[in-house]
Amino acid sequence: MFRDRAGSQKKWAKKNGVTPSLISMVLSGDRPLNNKIISALKLRRVVVYERLDRTAGGPSAPTRRVGSLTGRGLP
């Protein structure tokens, strides 16, 4: 994803104001996306909560979108 947009992870990181090591940690799942990366990829953070049906172990109702959250410290 990052290579396609800039030619290499290092170039993409420099262009978007993040470190190459952060890109590596995000891609390996060690760190979540931060706001700079989310913005650079033209994404938005969306958090969804579902009610679980205790008898079947699955959702009891269709997924409902609660809101779009982009504050710091949110996963």
C-alpha atoms as a PDB file:
ATOM      1  CA  MET A   1       0.000   0.000   0.000  1.00  0.00           C
ATOM      2  CA  PHE A   2       2.689   2.502   0.999  1.00  0.00           C
ATOM      3  CA  ARG A   3       5.060   1.439  -1.783  1.00  0.00           C
ATOM      4  CA  ASP A   4       2.392   1.857  -4.461  1.00  0.00           C
ATOM      5  CA  ARG A   5       1.831   5.492  -3.552  1.00  0.00           C
ATOM      6  CA  ALA A   6       5.431   6.702  -3.287  1.00  0.00           C
ATOM      7  CA  GLY A   7       7.789   4.027  -4.596  1.00  0.00           C
ATOM      8  CA  SER A   8       9.058   2.859  -1.192  1.00  0.00           C
ATOM      9  CA  GLN A   9       8.007   2.845   2.444  1.00  0.00           C
ATOM     10  CA  LYS A  10      10.869   5.195   3.303  1.00  0.00           C
ATOM     11  CA  LYS A  11       9.845   7.773   0.675  1.00  0.00           C
ATOM     12  CA  TRP A  12       6.189   7.522   1.690  1.00  0.00           C
ATOM     13  CA  ALA A  13       7.075   8.003   5.354  1.00  0.00           C
ATOM     14  CA  LYS A  14       9.222  11.069   4.648  1.00  0.00           C
ATOM     15  CA  LYS A  15       6.583  12.611   2.372  1.00  0.00           C
ATOM     16  CA  ASN A  16       3.889  12.159   5.026  1.00  0.00           C
ATOM     17  CA  GLY A  17       5.831  13.192   8.130  1.00  0.00           C
ATOM     18  CA  VAL A  18       6.154   9.827   9.848  1.00  0.00           C
ATOM     19  CA  THR A  19       9.136   7.588  10.496  1.00  0.00           C
ATOM     20  CA  PRO A  20       9.848   4.492   8.419  1.00  0.00           C
ATOM     21  CA  SER A  21       9.967   2.493  11.651  1.00  0.00           C
ATOM     22  CA  LEU A  22       6.371   3.557  12.435  1.00  0.00           C
ATOM     23  CA  ILE A  23       5.271   2.326   9.000  1.00  0.00           C
ATOM     24  CA  SER A  24       6.972  -0.995   9.676  1.00  0.00           C
ATOM     25  CA  MET A  25       5.329  -1.317  13.103  1.00  0.00           C
ATOM     26  CA  VAL A  26       1.882  -0.502  11.662  1.00  0.00           C
ATOM     27  CA  LEU A  27       2.274  -3.037   8.856  1.00  0.00           C
ATOM     28  CA  SER A  28       3.374  -5.746  11.287  1.00  0.00           C
ATOM     29  CA  GLY A  29       0.459  -5.008  13.620  1.00  0.00           C
ATOM     30  CA  ASP A  30       2.614  -3.752  16.500  1.00  0.00           C
ATOM     31  CA  ARG A  31       1.154  -0.201  16.388  1.00  0.00           C
ATOM     32  CA  PRO A  32      -2.219   1.166  15.315  1.00  0.00           C
ATOM     33  CA  LEU A  33      -2.588   3.733  12.544  1.00  0.00           C
ATOM     34  CA  ASN A  34      -2.033   7.272  13.783  1.00  0.00           C
ATOM     35  CA  ASN A  35      -3.864  10.367  12.562  1.00  0.00           C
ATOM     36  CA  LYS A  36      -1.118  11.351  10.080  1.00  0.00           C
ATOM     37  CA  ILE A  37      -1.252   7.970   8.373  1.00  0.00           C
ATOM     38  CA  ILE A  38      -5.059   7.912   8.393  1.00  0.00           C
ATOM     39  CA  SER A  39      -5.181  11.348   6.759  1.00  0.00           C
ATOM     40  CA  ALA A  40      -2.450  10.568   4.231  1.00  0.00           C
ATOM     41  CA  LEU A  41      -4.312   7.445   3.107  1.00  0.00           C
ATOM     42  CA  LYS A  42      -7.563   9.437   2.935  1.00  0.00           C
ATOM     43  CA  LEU A  43      -9.239   7.189   5.472  1.00  0.00           C
ATOM     44  CA  ARG A  44     -11.421   7.903   8.469  1.00  0.00           C
ATOM     45  CA  ARG A  45     -11.636   6.064  11.769  1.00  0.00           C
ATOM     46  CA  VAL A  46     -15.011   4.409  12.396  1.00  0.00           C
ATOM     47  CA  VAL A  47     -15.908   2.623  15.623  1.00  0.00           C
ATOM     48  CA  VAL A  48     -18.775   0.135  15.618  1.00  0.00           C
ATOM     49  CA  TYR A  49     -20.436  -1.467  18.629  1.00  0.00           C
ATOM     50  CA  GLU A  50     -22.604  -4.563  18.289  1.00  0.00           C
ATOM     51  CA  ARG A  51     -24.898  -6.176  20.843  1.00  0.00           C
ATOM     52  CA  LEU A  52     -24.053  -9.844  21.291  1.00  0.00           C
ATOM     53  CA  ASP A  53     -26.756 -12.483  21.496  1.00  0.00           C
ATOM     54  CA  ARG A  54     -25.722 -14.508  24.545  1.00  0.00           C
ATOM     55  CA  THR A  55     -27.451 -17.702  23.380  1.00  0.00           C
ATOM     56  CA  ALA A  56     -26.035 -17.936  19.861  1.00  0.00           C
ATOM     57  CA  GLY A  57     -22.759 -16.062  20.367  1.00  0.00           C
ATOM     58  CA  GLY A  58     -23.409 -13.769  17.407  1.00  0.00           C
ATOM     59  CA  PRO A  59     -24.896 -10.335  16.824  1.00  0.00           C
ATOM     60  CA  SER A  60     -28.601 -10.141  17.680  1.00  0.00           C
ATOM     61  CA  ALA A  61     -29.290  -7.166  15.438  1.00  0.00           C
ATOM     62  CA  PRO A  62     -27.736  -5.660  12.318  1.00  0.00           C
ATOM     63  CA  THR A  63     -24.565  -3.691  12.912  1.00  0.00           C
ATOM     64  CA  ARG A  64     -25.286  -0.054  13.677  1.00  0.00           C
ATOM     65  CA  ARG A  65     -22.733   2.635  13.047  1.00  0.00           C
ATOM     66  CA  VAL A  66     -22.205   4.625  16.217  1.00  0.00           C
ATOM     67  CA  GLY A  67     -19.983   7.344  14.890  1.00  0.00           C
ATOM     68  CA  SER A  68     -16.761   8.425  13.339  1.00  0.00           C
ATOM     69  CA  LEU A  69     -14.054   9.156  15.880  1.00  0.00           C
ATOM     70  CA  THR A  70     -10.659  10.639  15.077  1.00  0.00           C
ATOM     71  CA  GLY A  71      -9.359  11.771  18.487  1.00  0.00           C
ATOM     72  CA  ARG A  72      -5.989  10.823  19.904  1.00  0.00           C
ATOM     73  CA  GLY A  73      -5.694   7.690  21.937  1.00  0.00           C
ATOM     74  CA  LEU A  74      -8.470   5.897  20.082  1.00  0.00           C
ATOM     75  CA  PRO A  75      -7.624   2.516  18.558  1.00  0.00           C
END
